[in-house]
Amino acid sequence: MSLRFPAQSPKVRATLYLPHDLLEEARDAAVHLAGYPARLTLTKFAEKAFQAELQRLKDTYNGGRGFPPREADLKGGRPIAA
């Protein structure tokens, strides 16, 4: 019997701008928790944070469902006013 694991999406590079203090704290956590048992990396930290926030946004604003695929790339600049 062989175990089957879901295929993982390939990792891609993303450029983000974060507050310096927030990034430094995340880096400190990744270094502190790099070994057993957490084996945390900055990539794993960011991935888990994105997953948790996306789930919160789905639950809060979209009935727990995924958001529809976008029809265009994100545009840079100032955020859209609410």
PDB file of N, CA and C in Angstrom:
ATOM      1  N   MET A   1       0.850  -1.175   0.000  1.00  0.00           N
ATOM      2  CA  MET A   1       0.000   0.000   0.000  1.00  0.00           C
ATOM      3  C   MET A   1       0.897   1.240   0.000  1.00  0.00           C
ATOM      4  N   SER A   2       0.633   2.159  -0.898  1.00  0.00           N
ATOM      5  CA  SER A   2       1.419   3.391  -0.928  1.00  0.00           C
ATOM      6  C   SER A   2       0.568   4.551  -0.418  1.00  0.00           C
ATOM      7  N   LEU A   3       1.239   5.448   0.271  1.00  0.00           N
ATOM      8  CA  LEU A   3       0.552   6.629   0.775  1.00  0.00           C
ATOM      9  C   LEU A   3       0.518   7.681  -0.315  1.00  0.00           C
ATOM     10  N   ARG A   4      -0.594   8.371  -0.452  1.00  0.00           N
ATOM     11  CA  ARG A   4      -0.708   9.433  -1.453  1.00  0.00           C
ATOM     12  C   ARG A   4      -0.856  10.758  -0.721  1.00  0.00           C
ATOM     13  N   PHE A   5      -0.057  11.708  -1.119  1.00  0.00           N
ATOM     14  CA  PHE A   5      -0.112  13.037  -0.548  1.00  0.00           C
ATOM     15  C   PHE A   5      -0.597  13.991  -1.618  1.00  0.00           C
ATOM     16  N   PRO A   6      -1.390  14.995  -1.241  1.00  0.00           N
ATOM     17  CA  PRO A   6      -1.833  15.959  -2.250  1.00  0.00           C
ATOM     18  C   PRO A   6      -0.632  16.684  -2.853  1.00  0.00           C
ATOM     19  N   ALA A   7      -0.711  16.941  -4.148  1.00  0.00           N
ATOM     20  CA  ALA A   7       0.374  17.655  -4.826  1.00  0.00           C
ATOM     21  C   ALA A   7       0.460  19.082  -4.285  1.00  0.00           C
ATOM     22  N   GLN A   8       1.682  19.519  -4.037  1.00  0.00           N
ATOM     23  CA  GLN A   8       1.880  20.882  -3.562  1.00  0.00           C
ATOM     24  C   GLN A   8       2.089  21.804  -4.747  1.00  0.00           C
ATOM     25  N   SER A   9       1.566  22.996  -4.634  1.00  0.00           N
ATOM     26  CA  SER A   9       1.815  24.020  -5.640  1.00  0.00           C
ATOM     27  C   SER A   9       3.289  24.395  -5.606  1.00  0.00           C
ATOM     28  N   PRO A  10       3.863  24.686  -6.754  1.00  0.00           N
ATOM     29  CA  PRO A  10       5.263  25.129  -6.721  1.00  0.00           C
ATOM     30  C   PRO A  10       5.374  26.474  -6.011  1.00  0.00           C
ATOM     31  N   LYS A  11       6.487  26.695  -5.367  1.00  0.00           N
ATOM     32  CA  LYS A  11       6.728  27.960  -4.681  1.00  0.00           C
ATOM     33  C   LYS A  11       7.164  28.995  -5.716  1.00  0.00           C
ATOM     34  N   VAL A  12       6.715  30.221  -5.538  1.00  0.00           N
ATOM     35  CA  VAL A  12       7.102  31.327  -6.413  1.00  0.00           C
ATOM     36  C   VAL A  12       7.575  32.487  -5.559  1.00  0.00           C
ATOM     37  N   ARG A  13       8.409  33.323  -6.122  1.00  0.00           N
ATOM     38  CA  ARG A  13       8.927  34.490  -5.407  1.00  0.00           C
ATOM     39  C   ARG A  13       7.878  35.608  -5.444  1.00  0.00           C
ATOM     40  N   ALA A  14       7.721  36.280  -4.314  1.00  0.00           N
ATOM     41  CA  ALA A  14       6.827  37.433  -4.219  1.00  0.00           C
ATOM     42  C   ALA A  14       7.566  38.553  -3.507  1.00  0.00           C
ATOM     43  N   THR A  15       7.392  39.758  -3.978  1.00  0.00           N
ATOM     44  CA  THR A  15       8.010  40.908  -3.333  1.00  0.00           C
ATOM     45  C   THR A  15       6.926  41.659  -2.569  1.00  0.00           C
ATOM     46  N   LEU A  16       7.137  41.821  -1.282  1.00  0.00           N
ATOM     47  CA  LEU A  16       6.185  42.506  -0.419  1.00  0.00           C
ATOM     48  C   LEU A  16       6.919  43.555   0.394  1.00  0.00           C
ATOM     49  N   TYR A  17       6.229  44.586   0.741  1.00  0.00           N
ATOM     50  CA  TYR A  17       6.786  45.594   1.633  1.00  0.00           C
ATOM     51  C   TYR A  17       6.079  45.467   2.970  1.00  0.00           C
ATOM     52  N   LEU A  18       6.873  45.242   4.016  1.00  0.00           N
ATOM     53  CA  LEU A  18       6.352  45.067   5.368  1.00  0.00           C
ATOM     54  C   LEU A  18       7.024  46.057   6.297  1.00  0.00           C
ATOM     55  N   PRO A  19       6.357  46.389   7.393  1.00  0.00           N
ATOM     56  CA  PRO A  19       7.035  47.221   8.392  1.00  0.00           C
ATOM     57  C   PRO A  19       8.300  46.513   8.887  1.00  0.00           C
ATOM     58  N   HIS A  20       9.364  47.263   9.016  1.00  0.00           N
ATOM     59  CA  HIS A  20      10.664  46.718   9.411  1.00  0.00           C
ATOM     60  C   HIS A  20      10.566  45.915  10.703  1.00  0.00           C
ATOM     61  N   ASP A  21       9.913  46.476  11.718  1.00  0.00           N
ATOM     62  CA  ASP A  21       9.812  45.797  13.014  1.00  0.00           C
ATOM     63  C   ASP A  21       9.081  44.457  12.905  1.00  0.00           C
ATOM     64  N   LEU A  22       8.034  44.405  12.096  1.00  0.00           N
ATOM     65  CA  LEU A  22       7.272  43.170  11.920  1.00  0.00           C
ATOM     66  C   LEU A  22       8.136  42.092  11.268  1.00  0.00           C
ATOM     67  N   LEU A  23       8.859  42.460  10.225  1.00  0.00           N
ATOM     68  CA  LEU A  23       9.731  41.500   9.556  1.00  0.00           C
ATOM     69  C   LEU A  23      10.845  41.020  10.475  1.00  0.00           C
ATOM     70  N   GLU A  24      11.434  41.922  11.243  1.00  0.00           N
ATOM     71  CA  GLU A  24      12.501  41.521  12.171  1.00  0.00           C
ATOM     72  C   GLU A  24      11.976  40.553  13.228  1.00  0.00           C
ATOM     73  N   GLU A  25      10.779  40.809  13.739  1.00  0.00           N
ATOM     74  CA  GLU A  25      10.198  39.904  14.741  1.00  0.00           C
ATOM     75  C   GLU A  25       9.926  38.524  14.140  1.00  0.00           C
ATOM     76  N   ALA A  26       9.439  38.495  12.893  1.00  0.00           N
ATOM     77  CA  ALA A  26       9.204  37.214  12.222  1.00  0.00           C
ATOM     78  C   ALA A  26      10.525  36.478  11.987  1.00  0.00           C
ATOM     79  N   ARG A  27      11.557  37.203  11.588  1.00  0.00           N
ATOM     80  CA  ARG A  27      12.874  36.580  11.395  1.00  0.00           C
ATOM     81  C   ARG A  27      13.418  36.034  12.707  1.00  0.00           C
ATOM     82  N   ASP A  28      13.255  36.801  13.792  1.00  0.00           N
ATOM     83  CA  ASP A  28      13.707  36.327  15.112  1.00  0.00           C
ATOM     84  C   ASP A  28      13.000  35.027  15.483  1.00  0.00           C
ATOM     85  N   ALA A  29      11.685  34.973  15.256  1.00  0.00           N
ATOM     86  CA  ALA A  29      10.923  33.766  15.578  1.00  0.00           C
ATOM     87  C   ALA A  29      11.403  32.591  14.735  1.00  0.00           C
ATOM     88  N   ALA A  30      11.639  32.825  13.439  1.00  0.00           N
ATOM     89  CA  ALA A  30      12.082  31.748  12.552  1.00  0.00           C
ATOM     90  C   ALA A  30      13.436  31.198  12.987  1.00  0.00           C
ATOM     91  N   VAL A  31      14.348  32.070  13.371  1.00  0.00           N
ATOM     92  CA  VAL A  31      15.667  31.611  13.821  1.00  0.00           C
ATOM     93  C   VAL A  31      15.535  30.853  15.144  1.00  0.00           C
ATOM     94  N   HIS A  32      14.741  31.405  16.068  1.00  0.00           N
ATOM     95  CA  HIS A  32      14.574  30.780  17.384  1.00  0.00           C
ATOM     96  C   HIS A  32      13.912  29.402  17.281  1.00  0.00           C
ATOM     97  N   LEU A  33      13.003  29.248  16.309  1.00  0.00           N
ATOM     98  CA  LEU A  33      12.233  28.003  16.193  1.00  0.00           C
ATOM     99  C   LEU A  33      12.668  27.151  15.000  1.00  0.00           C
ATOM    100  N   ALA A  34      13.889  27.382  14.494  1.00  0.00           N
ATOM    101  CA  ALA A  34      14.356  26.657  13.314  1.00  0.00           C
ATOM    102  C   ALA A  34      14.586  25.172  13.575  1.00  0.00           C
ATOM    103  N   GLY A  35      14.941  24.825  14.782  1.00  0.00           N
ATOM    104  CA  GLY A  35      15.231  23.428  15.098  1.00  0.00           C
ATOM    105  C   GLY A  35      13.995  22.645  15.506  1.00  0.00           C
ATOM    106  N   TYR A  36      14.246  21.439  15.970  1.00  0.00           N
ATOM    107  CA  TYR A  36      13.188  20.561  16.446  1.00  0.00           C
ATOM    108  C   TYR A  36      12.496  21.188  17.652  1.00  0.00           C
ATOM    109  N   PRO A  37      11.191  21.121  17.809  1.00  0.00           N
ATOM    110  CA  PRO A  37      10.232  20.396  16.985  1.00  0.00           C
ATOM    111  C   PRO A  37       9.570  21.261  15.911  1.00  0.00           C
ATOM    112  N   ALA A  38       9.660  22.580  15.987  1.00  0.00           N
ATOM    113  CA  ALA A  38       8.915  23.437  15.061  1.00  0.00           C
ATOM    114  C   ALA A  38       9.487  23.431  13.649  1.00  0.00           C
ATOM    115  N   ARG A  39      10.821  23.437  13.523  1.00  0.00           N
ATOM    116  CA  ARG A  39      11.492  23.501  12.223  1.00  0.00           C
ATOM    117  C   ARG A  39      10.922  24.627  11.359  1.00  0.00           C
ATOM    118  N   LEU A  40      10.784  25.780  11.959  1.00  0.00           N
ATOM    119  CA  LEU A  40      10.164  26.931  11.292  1.00  0.00           C
ATOM    120  C   LEU A  40      11.160  27.622  10.369  1.00  0.00           C
ATOM    121  N   THR A  41      10.677  28.009   9.205  1.00  0.00           N
ATOM    122  CA  THR A  41      11.427  28.859   8.291  1.00  0.00           C
ATOM    123  C   THR A  41      10.593  30.116   8.078  1.00  0.00           C
ATOM    124  N   LEU A  42      11.209  31.155   7.560  1.00  0.00           N
ATOM    125  CA  LEU A  42      10.459  32.374   7.279  1.00  0.00           C
ATOM    126  C   LEU A  42       9.394  32.105   6.212  1.00  0.00           C
ATOM    127  N   THR A  43       9.706  31.253   5.248  1.00  0.00           N
ATOM    128  CA  THR A  43       8.718  30.889   4.220  1.00  0.00           C
ATOM    129  C   THR A  43       7.531  30.170   4.847  1.00  0.00           C
ATOM    130  N   LYS A  44       7.809  29.189   5.720  1.00  0.00           N
ATOM    131  CA  LYS A  44       6.723  28.450   6.372  1.00  0.00           C
ATOM    132  C   LYS A  44       5.884  29.396   7.246  1.00  0.00           C
ATOM    133  N   PHE A  45       6.546  30.312   7.932  1.00  0.00           N
ATOM    134  CA  PHE A  45       5.858  31.294   8.763  1.00  0.00           C
ATOM    135  C   PHE A  45       4.899  32.129   7.904  1.00  0.00           C
ATOM    136  N   ALA A  46       5.391  32.655   6.785  1.00  0.00           N
ATOM    137  CA  ALA A  46       4.564  33.489   5.909  1.00  0.00           C
ATOM    138  C   ALA A  46       3.413  32.683   5.303  1.00  0.00           C
ATOM    139  N   GLU A  47       3.696  31.456   4.899  1.00  0.00           N
ATOM    140  CA  GLU A  47       2.662  30.612   4.301  1.00  0.00           C
ATOM    141  C   GLU A  47       1.523  30.360   5.291  1.00  0.00           C
ATOM    142  N   LYS A  48       1.874  30.009   6.524  1.00  0.00           N
ATOM    143  CA  LYS A  48       0.845  29.763   7.550  1.00  0.00           C
ATOM    144  C   LYS A  48       0.062  31.032   7.863  1.00  0.00           C
ATOM    145  N   ALA A  49       0.752  32.175   7.911  1.00  0.00           N
ATOM    146  CA  ALA A  49       0.074  33.445   8.188  1.00  0.00           C
ATOM    147  C   ALA A  49      -0.900  33.789   7.060  1.00  0.00           C
ATOM    148  N   PHE A  50      -0.473  33.600   5.809  1.00  0.00           N
ATOM    149  CA  PHE A  50      -1.358  33.850   4.665  1.00  0.00           C
ATOM    150  C   PHE A  50      -2.571  32.925   4.725  1.00  0.00           C
ATOM    151  N   GLN A  51      -2.353  31.646   5.006  1.00  0.00           N
ATOM    152  CA  GLN A  51      -3.462  30.693   5.070  1.00  0.00           C
ATOM    153  C   GLN A  51      -4.466  31.082   6.149  1.00  0.00           C
ATOM    154  N   ALA A  52      -3.970  31.440   7.324  1.00  0.00           N
ATOM    155  CA  ALA A  52      -4.863  31.807   8.433  1.00  0.00           C
ATOM    156  C   ALA A  52      -5.653  33.066   8.099  1.00  0.00           C
ATOM    157  N   GLU A  53      -4.996  34.071   7.527  1.00  0.00           N
ATOM    158  CA  GLU A  53      -5.694  35.313   7.199  1.00  0.00           C
ATOM    159  C   GLU A  53      -6.676  35.113   6.057  1.00  0.00           C
ATOM    160  N   LEU A  54      -6.300  34.318   5.056  1.00  0.00           N
ATOM    161  CA  LEU A  54      -7.248  34.037   3.977  1.00  0.00           C
ATOM    162  C   LEU A  54      -8.487  33.322   4.498  1.00  0.00           C
ATOM    163  N   GLN A  55      -8.315  32.373   5.399  1.00  0.00           N
ATOM    164  CA  GLN A  55      -9.477  31.682   5.963  1.00  0.00           C
ATOM    165  C   GLN A  55     -10.351  32.656   6.744  1.00  0.00           C
ATOM    166  N   ARG A  56      -9.732  33.559   7.511  1.00  0.00           N
ATOM    167  CA  ARG A  56     -10.498  34.556   8.262  1.00  0.00           C
ATOM    168  C   ARG A  56     -11.289  35.459   7.310  1.00  0.00           C
ATOM    169  N   LEU A  57     -10.666  35.880   6.222  1.00  0.00           N
ATOM    170  CA  LEU A  57     -11.352  36.735   5.243  1.00  0.00           C
ATOM    171  C   LEU A  57     -12.488  35.991   4.552  1.00  0.00           C
ATOM    172  N   LYS A  58     -12.269  34.726   4.198  1.00  0.00           N
ATOM    173  CA  LYS A  58     -13.334  33.922   3.592  1.00  0.00           C
ATOM    174  C   LYS A  58     -14.517  33.798   4.541  1.00  0.00           C
ATOM    175  N   ASP A  59     -14.221  33.482   5.807  1.00  0.00           N
ATOM    176  CA  ASP A  59     -15.279  33.311   6.799  1.00  0.00           C
ATOM    177  C   ASP A  59     -16.029  34.615   7.042  1.00  0.00           C
ATOM    178  N   THR A  60     -15.306  35.719   7.114  1.00  0.00           N
ATOM    179  CA  THR A  60     -15.909  37.013   7.436  1.00  0.00           C
ATOM    180  C   THR A  60     -16.677  37.617   6.269  1.00  0.00           C
ATOM    181  N   TYR A  61     -16.131  37.504   5.066  1.00  0.00           N
ATOM    182  CA  TYR A  61     -16.683  38.253   3.939  1.00  0.00           C
ATOM    183  C   TYR A  61     -17.259  37.408   2.807  1.00  0.00           C
ATOM    184  N   ASN A  62     -17.076  36.089   2.844  1.00  0.00           N
ATOM    185  CA  ASN A  62     -17.517  35.295   1.696  1.00  0.00           C
ATOM    186  C   ASN A  62     -18.143  33.963   2.103  1.00  0.00           C
ATOM    187  N   GLY A  63     -18.757  33.924   3.285  1.00  0.00           N
ATOM    188  CA  GLY A  63     -19.460  32.719   3.713  1.00  0.00           C
ATOM    189  C   GLY A  63     -18.574  31.488   3.805  1.00  0.00           C
ATOM    190  N   GLY A  64     -17.269  31.681   4.046  1.00  0.00           N
ATOM    191  CA  GLY A  64     -16.346  30.566   4.172  1.00  0.00           C
ATOM    192  C   GLY A  64     -15.883  29.991   2.842  1.00  0.00           C
ATOM    193  N   ARG A  65     -16.391  30.536   1.745  1.00  0.00           N
ATOM    194  CA  ARG A  65     -16.016  30.029   0.416  1.00  0.00           C
ATOM    195  C   ARG A  65     -14.807  30.778  -0.137  1.00  0.00           C
ATOM    196  N   GLY A  66     -14.138  30.153  -1.096  1.00  0.00           N
ATOM    197  CA  GLY A  66     -13.009  30.794  -1.760  1.00  0.00           C
ATOM    198  C   GLY A  66     -13.469  31.995  -2.577  1.00  0.00           C
ATOM    199  N   PHE A  67     -12.585  32.920  -2.797  1.00  0.00           N
ATOM    200  CA  PHE A  67     -12.888  34.089  -3.604  1.00  0.00           C
ATOM    201  C   PHE A  67     -12.784  33.730  -5.085  1.00  0.00           C
ATOM    202  N   PRO A  68     -13.579  34.402  -5.935  1.00  0.00           N
ATOM    203  CA  PRO A  68     -13.482  34.101  -7.370  1.00  0.00           C
ATOM    204  C   PRO A  68     -12.117  34.510  -7.918  1.00  0.00           C
ATOM    205  N   PRO A  69     -11.653  33.818  -8.949  1.00  0.00           N
ATOM    206  CA  PRO A  69     -10.359  34.184  -9.543  1.00  0.00           C
ATOM    207  C   PRO A  69     -10.416  35.612 -10.091  1.00  0.00           C
ATOM    208  N   ARG A  70      -9.322  36.322  -9.951  1.00  0.00           N
ATOM    209  CA  ARG A  70      -9.275  37.687 -10.450  1.00  0.00           C
ATOM    210  C   ARG A  70      -9.174  37.663 -11.970  1.00  0.00           C
ATOM    211  N   GLU A  71      -9.648  38.722 -12.588  1.00  0.00           N
ATOM    212  CA  GLU A  71      -9.613  38.821 -14.046  1.00  0.00           C
ATOM    213  C   GLU A  71      -8.430  39.643 -14.531  1.00  0.00           C
ATOM    214  N   ALA A  72      -7.721  40.292 -13.616  1.00  0.00           N
ATOM    215  CA  ALA A  72      -6.564  41.108 -13.987  1.00  0.00           C
ATOM    216  C   ALA A  72      -5.552  41.057 -12.852  1.00  0.00           C
ATOM    217  N   ASP A  73      -4.322  41.411 -13.148  1.00  0.00           N
ATOM    218  CA  ASP A  73      -3.297  41.472 -12.118  1.00  0.00           C
ATOM    219  C   ASP A  73      -3.568  42.637 -11.169  1.00  0.00           C
ATOM    220  N   LEU A  74      -3.017  42.529  -9.971  1.00  0.00           N
ATOM    221  CA  LEU A  74      -3.133  43.615  -9.016  1.00  0.00           C
ATOM    222  C   LEU A  74      -2.427  44.851  -9.556  1.00  0.00           C
ATOM    223  N   LYS A  75      -2.978  46.002  -9.236  1.00  0.00           N
ATOM    224  CA  LYS A  75      -2.341  47.249  -9.660  1.00  0.00           C
ATOM    225  C   LYS A  75      -1.627  47.849  -8.487  1.00  0.00           C
ATOM    226  N   GLY A  76      -0.450  48.419  -8.723  1.00  0.00           N
ATOM    227  CA  GLY A  76       0.304  49.077  -7.672  1.00  0.00           C
ATOM    228  C   GLY A  76      -0.306  50.431  -7.355  1.00  0.00           C
ATOM    229  N   GLY A  77       0.202  51.030  -6.325  1.00  0.00           N
ATOM    230  CA  GLY A  77      -0.283  52.359  -5.952  1.00  0.00           C
ATOM    231  C   GLY A  77      -1.050  52.346  -4.652  1.00  0.00           C
ATOM    232  N   ARG A  78      -1.737  53.432  -4.422  1.00  0.00           N
ATOM    233  CA  ARG A  78      -2.511  53.575  -3.194  1.00  0.00           C
ATOM    234  C   ARG A  78      -3.698  52.631  -3.162  1.00  0.00           C
ATOM    235  N   PRO A  79      -4.062  52.146  -1.965  1.00  0.00           N
ATOM    236  CA  PRO A  79      -5.225  51.257  -1.852  1.00  0.00           C
ATOM    237  C   PRO A  79      -6.513  51.984  -2.252  1.00  0.00           C
ATOM    238  N   ILE A  80      -7.467  51.221  -2.713  1.00  0.00           N
ATOM    239  CA  ILE A  80      -8.780  51.768  -3.082  1.00  0.00           C
ATOM    240  C   ILE A  80      -9.477  52.207  -1.809  1.00  0.00           C
ATOM    241  N   ALA A  81     -10.021  53.429  -1.820  1.00  0.00           N
ATOM    242  CA  ALA A  81     -10.744  53.954  -0.646  1.00  0.00           C
ATOM    243  C   ALA A  81     -12.052  53.202  -0.490  1.00  0.00           C
ATOM    244  N   ALA A  82     -12.408  52.961   0.750  1.00  0.00           N
ATOM    245  CA  ALA A  82     -13.666  52.239   1.027  1.00  0.00           C
ATOM    246  C   ALA A  82     -14.849  53.165   1.048  1.00  0.00           C
TER     247      ALA A  82
END
